Amino acid sequence: MRTRGGIIFFGLMILVLSGCASIGPGSVSRDRFDYVTSIGESWKHQILLNIVKTRYIEPLSFVDVGQIIAGYSLETGVNLLGKGALSNFSSSSSIEASVAGKYTDRPTITYTPMTGNAFIKSLMTPLFPAQLLFSVQSGVPADMIFKLGVNSINGLRNENVTIKGYIPPEAKFVRVIEIMNSLQMAGAINVKIINQKDSHESALLSFPSKAVDAEVSALVREFCDLLGLDQGADQYKIVSGNIPGNNREIAMKTSSVMRIMAFLAARVEVPEKDMAEKRALTGIREAVANVGREGRFVIRSSNGDGEPKDAFAAVKYRNHWFWIDDRDIASKQIISFLVLVFTLADTGSDKPLPLVTIPAQ
């Protein structure tokens, strides 16, 4: 019996020792993927909900994820009990054993509401032109950036939707965007970012291929003509404002995140009953006849019977479902761009993150 008891004891010790191995490294790849996915999904839904709320003239509200701390503990234990008996005729022995274990996953997540100065900086402050131009050079579609993030270029006005109705864009503004998009596709846009003393950034725009490719040269000449620029200049300074100071400057009046969301809110398909009862502002569909969905941002709506299937993002609001179809590439791109815009608008915070202490297990 001694041999059998030794085998049992040895096996239990192996089990205990194996349980003492660290569980941290194996959780990194799994948890990192899960948290990144969850945060990305929450941003999509949060942005979609606030666009819809803007159409209904509801106050905006955003909550950011401050910290994520994942704490784990693994406890194991073995109880061994041996007993034996001896008489004149025989002897006996036995070993009783029990194994106990407990695994605990205790994540700590902190949420930070956007209020006060953080709200103003992130939502109400216009984006810096240098940030938008740098995004163009990074590969974000130029037409999307300028349609959403710029109100005017050298006095040429973008489209607008107000309480009084829809104001279409100037034809020259549309053409400037088309040219910028073509130059971007041709790789003929160069942006130089300069750090200023006030910690802000300025940008210089140039077209390095304009003297090489005939088609690019023609587009650059038309671009300069539309904006009243000196065609002989090697580069143009990007400034904030409506009107440039000279013919070597490009003045951009940029939008804030709140302005962009209001622009997109006009494309929410609000239920007809809510529009008839004047619960929401007038949008593109109501202001302009025969507006199609193709190539345009649109948020669809339905009654609250069930969550829409095959949705890129969906939220329930006022007993209606509002969603973006997963096959609507244009609208998906714009939502993804808005997440980038929030990153561009985030100027950082001087306040330290909350101190969270996780007790050792």
Protein backbone atom coordinates (compact mmCIF):
# COMPACT_ATOMS: atom_id res chain seq x y z
CA MET A 1 0.00 0.00 0.00
CA ARG A 2 2.96 2.30 0.53
CA THR A 3 3.69 2.30 -3.20
CA ARG A 4 0.12 3.20 -4.13
CA GLY A 5 0.03 6.01 -1.58
CA GLY A 6 3.31 7.42 -2.88
CA ILE A 7 1.98 7.53 -6.44
CA ILE A 8 -1.14 9.40 -5.34
CA PHE A 9 0.90 11.89 -3.32
CA PHE A 10 3.33 12.50 -6.18
CA GLY A 11 0.48 13.10 -8.64
CA LEU A 12 -1.17 15.62 -6.35
CA MET A 13 2.07 17.54 -5.91
CA ILE A 14 2.49 17.79 -9.68
CA LEU A 15 -1.02 19.23 -9.92
CA VAL A 16 -0.32 21.82 -7.24
CA LEU A 17 3.03 22.85 -8.73
CA SER A 18 1.53 23.22 -12.20
CA GLY A 19 -1.17 25.48 -10.75
CA CYS A 20 1.53 27.77 -9.36
CA ALA A 21 2.67 28.73 -12.89
CA SER A 22 1.93 32.35 -13.88
CA ILE A 23 -1.35 32.92 -15.73
CA GLY A 24 -0.44 36.49 -16.73
CA PRO A 25 1.49 35.98 -20.01
CA GLY A 26 -1.16 33.76 -21.53
CA SER A 27 -3.87 36.34 -20.90
CA VAL A 28 -2.16 39.23 -22.72
CA SER A 29 -3.04 38.32 -26.31
CA ARG A 30 -6.56 37.23 -25.40
CA ASP A 31 -7.45 40.21 -23.20
CA ARG A 32 -5.82 42.78 -25.44
CA PHE A 33 -7.90 41.63 -28.40
CA ASP A 34 -11.12 41.49 -26.37
CA TYR A 35 -10.69 44.93 -24.82
CA VAL A 36 -9.68 46.58 -28.12
CA THR A 37 -12.72 45.06 -29.81
CA SER A 38 -15.06 46.16 -27.03
CA ILE A 39 -13.71 49.72 -26.92
CA GLY A 40 -13.97 50.04 -30.71
CA GLU A 41 -17.56 48.82 -30.70
CA SER A 42 -18.49 51.17 -27.86
CA TRP A 43 -17.04 54.15 -29.76
CA LYS A 44 -19.11 53.31 -32.83
CA HIS A 45 -22.32 53.06 -30.84
CA GLN A 46 -21.56 56.17 -28.78
CA ILE A 47 -20.91 58.27 -31.89
CA LEU A 48 -23.98 56.91 -33.67
CA LEU A 49 -26.22 57.63 -30.67
CA ASN A 50 -24.98 61.20 -30.34
CA ILE A 51 -25.50 61.90 -34.05
CA VAL A 52 -29.11 60.79 -33.68
CA LYS A 53 -29.52 62.83 -30.48
CA THR A 54 -28.21 65.90 -32.30
CA ARG A 55 -31.03 65.58 -34.84
CA TYR A 56 -33.53 65.49 -31.97
CA ILE A 57 -31.90 68.55 -30.32
CA GLU A 58 -30.79 66.51 -27.33
CA PRO A 59 -27.61 67.42 -25.41
CA LEU A 60 -24.52 65.44 -26.33
CA SER A 61 -22.85 63.20 -23.78
CA PHE A 62 -19.64 61.19 -24.10
CA VAL A 63 -17.87 58.92 -21.66
CA ASP A 64 -14.26 57.92 -22.25
CA VAL A 65 -12.50 54.85 -20.91
CA GLY A 66 -9.77 56.07 -18.58
CA GLN A 67 -7.99 52.92 -17.44
CA ILE A 68 -8.39 49.17 -17.74
CA ILE A 69 -6.64 47.06 -15.14
CA ALA A 70 -7.11 43.31 -15.27
CA GLY A 71 -6.38 41.49 -12.02
CA TYR A 72 -6.20 37.72 -11.80
CA SER A 73 -5.71 35.26 -8.98
CA LEU A 74 -5.36 31.49 -8.97
CA GLU A 75 -5.49 29.58 -5.70
CA THR A 76 -4.90 25.84 -5.33
CA GLY A 77 -4.66 23.58 -2.35
CA VAL A 78 -4.25 19.93 -1.42
CA ASN A 79 -5.36 18.22 1.77
CA LEU A 80 -3.78 14.85 2.60
CA LEU A 81 -4.92 12.58 5.41
CA GLY A 82 -3.31 9.21 6.20
CA LYS A 83 -4.43 6.57 8.65
CA GLY A 84 -3.47 2.97 9.46
CA ALA A 85 -4.39 0.03 11.69
CA LEU A 86 -2.28 -2.89 13.07
CA SER A 87 -3.48 -6.16 14.60
CA ASN A 88 -2.04 -9.64 15.21
CA PHE A 89 -3.33 -10.93 11.94
CA SER A 90 -3.19 -8.07 9.42
CA SER A 91 -2.30 -4.43 8.82
CA SER A 92 -4.00 -1.80 6.69
CA SER A 93 -3.35 1.76 5.60
CA SER A 94 -5.11 4.38 3.48
CA ILE A 95 -4.60 7.90 2.17
CA GLU A 96 -7.47 10.37 1.74
CA ALA A 97 -6.85 13.41 -0.42
CA SER A 98 -8.81 16.44 -1.62
CA VAL A 99 -7.88 19.15 -4.12
CA ALA A 100 -9.39 22.66 -4.13
CA GLY A 101 -8.91 25.53 -6.55
CA LYS A 102 -10.30 29.02 -7.24
CA TYR A 103 -9.76 31.29 -10.25
CA THR A 104 -10.73 34.95 -10.03
CA ASP A 105 -10.88 37.51 -12.85
CA ARG A 106 -11.38 40.97 -11.35
CA PRO A 107 -11.02 43.74 -14.00
CA THR A 108 -11.13 47.37 -12.88
CA ILE A 109 -12.36 49.86 -15.49
CA THR A 110 -12.57 53.62 -14.95
CA TYR A 111 -14.84 55.90 -16.99
CA THR A 112 -14.29 59.62 -17.51
CA PRO A 113 -17.25 61.77 -18.62
CA MET A 114 -16.39 64.56 -21.05
CA THR A 115 -17.28 67.74 -19.18
CA GLY A 116 -15.97 71.25 -18.75
CA ASN A 117 -12.67 72.02 -20.42
CA ALA A 118 -12.32 68.50 -21.86
CA PHE A 119 -15.74 68.84 -23.52
CA ILE A 120 -14.85 72.21 -25.04
CA LYS A 121 -11.49 71.04 -26.35
CA SER A 122 -12.75 67.73 -27.74
CA LEU A 123 -16.13 68.75 -29.16
CA MET A 124 -16.40 72.52 -29.59
CA THR A 125 -12.91 73.62 -30.63
CA PRO A 126 -12.37 73.70 -34.44
CA LEU A 127 -9.83 71.22 -35.73
CA PHE A 128 -6.45 72.56 -36.75
CA PRO A 129 -5.95 72.72 -40.54
CA ALA A 130 -2.52 71.14 -40.13
CA GLN A 131 -4.13 68.06 -38.59
CA LEU A 132 -6.52 67.66 -41.52
CA LEU A 133 -3.77 68.07 -44.12
CA PHE A 134 -1.57 65.58 -42.30
CA SER A 135 -4.48 63.11 -42.40
CA VAL A 136 -4.69 63.60 -46.17
CA GLN A 137 -1.02 62.78 -46.57
CA SER A 138 -1.51 59.76 -44.30
CA GLY A 139 -4.04 58.30 -46.72
CA VAL A 140 -7.44 59.37 -45.37
CA PRO A 141 -9.59 60.24 -48.45
CA ALA A 142 -9.27 63.96 -49.15
CA ASP A 143 -12.86 64.39 -50.28
CA MET A 144 -14.15 62.94 -47.00
CA ILE A 145 -11.90 65.18 -44.91
CA PHE A 146 -12.80 68.39 -46.73
CA LYS A 147 -16.53 67.68 -46.97
CA LEU A 148 -16.77 66.96 -43.25
CA GLY A 149 -13.99 68.97 -41.66
CA VAL A 150 -13.85 72.21 -43.66
CA ASN A 151 -16.53 74.91 -43.84
CA SER A 152 -14.74 77.04 -46.41
CA ILE A 153 -11.46 77.33 -48.33
CA ASN A 154 -10.28 80.83 -49.29
CA GLY A 155 -13.87 82.01 -49.00
CA LEU A 156 -15.38 79.16 -51.07
CA ARG A 157 -18.29 77.77 -49.01
CA ASN A 158 -19.12 74.16 -48.25
CA GLU A 159 -22.71 72.93 -47.94
CA ASN A 160 -24.62 73.56 -44.74
CA VAL A 161 -27.85 72.55 -43.05
CA THR A 162 -29.49 74.99 -40.66
CA ILE A 163 -32.86 75.32 -38.97
CA LYS A 164 -33.95 77.46 -41.92
CA GLY A 165 -33.03 74.82 -44.49
CA TYR A 166 -30.32 73.41 -46.73
CA ILE A 167 -27.58 75.55 -48.28
CA PRO A 168 -25.79 73.78 -51.16
CA PRO A 169 -21.99 74.05 -51.60
CA GLU A 170 -20.45 76.43 -54.09
CA ALA A 171 -19.46 74.76 -57.33
CA LYS A 172 -15.86 75.97 -56.99
CA PHE A 173 -15.59 74.42 -53.53
CA VAL A 174 -16.75 71.07 -54.92
CA ARG A 175 -14.20 71.31 -57.72
CA VAL A 176 -11.37 72.11 -55.27
CA ILE A 177 -12.23 68.94 -53.34
CA GLU A 178 -12.27 66.88 -56.54
CA ILE A 179 -8.82 68.19 -57.49
CA MET A 180 -7.40 67.49 -54.04
CA ASN A 181 -8.74 63.96 -54.24
CA SER A 182 -7.15 63.43 -57.68
CA LEU A 183 -3.81 64.85 -56.53
CA GLN A 184 -3.90 62.59 -53.48
CA MET A 185 -4.52 59.54 -55.66
CA ALA A 186 -1.58 60.59 -57.85
CA GLY A 187 0.70 60.97 -54.81
CA ALA A 188 1.27 64.62 -55.69
CA ILE A 189 0.54 66.19 -52.30
CA ASN A 190 3.29 66.97 -49.83
CA VAL A 191 2.55 68.37 -46.37
CA LYS A 192 5.23 69.74 -44.07
CA ILE A 193 4.26 70.18 -40.42
CA ILE A 194 5.99 72.94 -38.43
CA ASN A 195 5.84 73.10 -34.64
CA GLN A 196 5.25 76.63 -33.40
CA LYS A 197 6.22 78.21 -30.09
CA ASP A 198 2.64 78.17 -28.79
CA SER A 199 2.68 74.34 -29.08
CA HIS A 200 0.37 74.50 -32.10
CA GLU A 201 1.27 73.21 -35.53
CA SER A 202 1.24 74.91 -38.90
CA ALA A 203 1.42 73.26 -42.30
CA LEU A 204 3.00 74.00 -45.66
CA LEU A 205 1.39 72.47 -48.74
CA SER A 206 3.35 71.75 -51.90
CA PHE A 207 2.99 69.70 -55.08
CA PRO A 208 6.36 68.09 -55.83
CA SER A 209 5.24 66.47 -59.09
CA LYS A 210 3.61 69.47 -60.73
CA ALA A 211 6.56 70.11 -63.05
CA VAL A 212 6.92 66.45 -64.05
CA ASP A 213 3.50 65.07 -64.93
CA ALA A 214 1.41 67.04 -67.43
CA GLU A 215 -1.92 65.93 -65.97
CA VAL A 216 -0.83 66.77 -62.43
CA SER A 217 0.49 70.14 -63.58
CA ALA A 218 -2.88 70.95 -65.17
CA LEU A 219 -4.72 70.03 -61.95
CA VAL A 220 -2.36 72.17 -59.84
CA ARG A 221 -2.85 75.17 -62.15
CA GLU A 222 -6.63 74.81 -61.92
CA PHE A 223 -6.38 74.42 -58.14
CA CYS A 224 -4.34 77.62 -57.84
CA ASP A 225 -6.69 79.48 -60.17
CA LEU A 226 -9.78 78.50 -58.17
CA LEU A 227 -8.19 79.64 -54.90
CA GLY A 228 -6.43 82.69 -56.29
CA LEU A 229 -2.95 81.40 -55.49
CA ASP A 230 0.42 82.37 -56.93
CA GLN A 231 1.13 79.56 -59.40
CA GLY A 232 4.84 80.24 -59.29
CA ALA A 233 5.14 79.55 -55.55
CA ASP A 234 6.86 76.38 -54.39
CA GLN A 235 4.66 75.96 -51.31
CA TYR A 236 1.60 77.46 -49.66
CA LYS A 237 1.01 78.16 -46.01
CA ILE A 238 -2.16 76.72 -44.46
CA VAL A 239 -3.86 79.18 -42.07
CA SER A 240 -7.12 79.24 -40.11
CA GLY A 241 -9.79 81.67 -41.22
CA ASN A 242 -12.07 82.70 -44.08
CA ILE A 243 -9.80 84.89 -46.21
CA PRO A 244 -6.02 84.45 -46.81
CA GLY A 245 -3.59 87.27 -46.11
CA ASN A 246 -1.86 86.91 -49.50
CA ASN A 247 -1.80 84.71 -52.59
CA ARG A 248 0.61 82.24 -50.99
CA GLU A 249 -1.77 81.28 -48.20
CA ILE A 250 -4.69 78.84 -48.11
CA ALA A 251 -7.23 79.87 -45.50
CA MET A 252 -9.40 77.07 -44.09
CA LYS A 253 -12.32 77.59 -41.78
CA THR A 254 -12.48 74.19 -40.13
CA SER A 255 -15.29 72.45 -38.28
CA SER A 256 -15.48 71.26 -34.70
CA VAL A 257 -16.51 67.71 -33.82
CA MET A 258 -19.91 69.06 -32.76
CA ARG A 259 -20.32 70.80 -36.13
CA ILE A 260 -19.40 67.60 -37.98
CA MET A 261 -21.93 65.62 -35.98
CA ALA A 262 -24.63 68.21 -36.73
CA PHE A 263 -23.70 67.95 -40.41
CA LEU A 264 -24.14 64.18 -40.29
CA ALA A 265 -27.30 64.38 -38.16
CA ALA A 266 -29.05 66.00 -41.09
CA ARG A 267 -28.70 62.65 -42.88
CA VAL A 268 -30.52 60.59 -40.26
CA GLU A 269 -33.70 59.02 -41.63
CA VAL A 270 -36.06 60.18 -38.87
CA PRO A 271 -39.43 58.38 -38.75
CA GLU A 272 -42.15 60.36 -40.52
CA LYS A 273 -44.30 60.52 -37.39
CA ASP A 274 -41.52 62.27 -35.46
CA MET A 275 -41.03 64.75 -38.30
CA ALA A 276 -44.79 65.41 -38.52
CA GLU A 277 -44.89 66.10 -34.79
CA LYS A 278 -41.81 68.37 -35.12
CA ARG A 279 -39.71 66.36 -32.70
CA ALA A 280 -36.57 66.64 -34.86
CA LEU A 281 -34.83 69.21 -37.01
CA THR A 282 -35.29 69.31 -40.78
CA GLY A 283 -32.72 67.19 -42.59
CA ILE A 284 -31.37 66.65 -46.08
CA ARG A 285 -34.13 64.27 -47.08
CA GLU A 286 -36.84 66.75 -46.11
CA ALA A 287 -35.07 69.82 -47.49
CA VAL A 288 -33.92 68.46 -50.84
CA ALA A 289 -36.17 66.39 -53.07
CA ASN A 290 -34.98 63.09 -54.58
CA VAL A 291 -31.89 62.70 -52.44
CA GLY A 292 -30.51 59.20 -53.00
CA ARG A 293 -28.56 56.99 -50.64
CA GLU A 294 -25.78 56.01 -52.97
CA GLY A 295 -22.43 57.54 -52.07
CA ARG A 296 -23.92 59.46 -49.14
CA PHE A 297 -23.83 59.06 -45.39
CA VAL A 298 -27.15 57.79 -44.09
CA ILE A 299 -28.48 56.45 -40.80
CA ARG A 300 -31.57 54.32 -41.30
CA SER A 301 -34.42 53.91 -38.84
CA SER A 302 -37.19 51.46 -38.02
CA ASN A 303 -39.63 50.73 -35.20
CA GLY A 304 -38.44 49.02 -32.04
CA ASP A 305 -39.63 45.50 -32.90
CA GLY A 306 -36.14 44.07 -33.07
CA GLU A 307 -32.50 44.94 -33.58
CA PRO A 308 -31.61 45.27 -37.28
CA LYS A 309 -29.64 42.38 -38.72
CA ASP A 310 -26.33 42.80 -40.52
CA ALA A 311 -25.75 46.26 -39.01
CA PHE A 312 -22.34 47.90 -38.74
CA ALA A 313 -23.63 49.77 -35.69
CA ALA A 314 -27.12 50.05 -34.21
CA VAL A 315 -28.65 51.91 -31.26
CA LYS A 316 -32.15 52.05 -29.84
CA TYR A 317 -33.47 55.54 -29.15
CA ARG A 318 -37.02 56.80 -28.54
CA ASN A 319 -38.32 53.29 -29.16
CA HIS A 320 -36.80 53.28 -32.66
CA TRP A 321 -33.75 51.49 -34.00
CA PHE A 322 -31.20 53.65 -35.82
CA TRP A 323 -28.44 51.87 -37.67
CA ILE A 324 -25.83 51.84 -40.43
CA ASP A 325 -25.93 48.95 -42.84
CA ASP A 326 -22.77 46.85 -42.88
CA ARG A 327 -22.79 47.00 -46.69
CA ASP A 328 -22.88 50.81 -46.71
CA ILE A 329 -19.17 51.44 -47.31
CA ALA A 330 -19.47 55.25 -47.50
CA SER A 331 -21.23 55.54 -44.13
CA LYS A 332 -18.86 53.05 -42.48
CA GLN A 333 -15.87 55.06 -43.65
CA ILE A 334 -17.31 58.24 -42.17
CA ILE A 335 -17.97 56.65 -38.76
CA SER A 336 -14.39 55.34 -38.74
CA PHE A 337 -13.18 58.81 -39.73
CA LEU A 338 -15.12 60.31 -36.81
CA VAL A 339 -13.22 58.06 -34.41
CA LEU A 340 -10.02 59.47 -35.95
CA VAL A 341 -11.40 63.01 -35.58
CA PHE A 342 -11.90 62.43 -31.86
CA THR A 343 -8.25 61.42 -31.68
CA LEU A 344 -7.21 64.58 -33.54
CA ALA A 345 -9.39 66.72 -31.27
CA ASP A 346 -7.94 65.17 -28.11
CA THR A 347 -5.41 67.72 -26.94
CA GLY A 348 -4.60 65.76 -23.81
CA SER A 349 -5.36 66.44 -20.19
CA ASP A 350 -3.25 67.87 -17.42
CA LYS A 351 -5.22 65.94 -14.82
CA PRO A 352 -3.61 62.69 -13.69
CA LEU A 353 -5.50 59.49 -14.20
CA PRO A 354 -7.16 58.04 -11.10
CA LEU A 355 -4.91 55.89 -8.95
CA VAL A 356 -6.20 52.35 -8.74
CA THR A 357 -4.65 49.84 -6.35
CA ILE A 358 -5.15 46.12 -6.93
CA PRO A 359 -4.41 44.02 -3.84
CA ALA A 360 -1.91 41.18 -4.33
CA GLN A 361 -3.42 37.71 -4.20
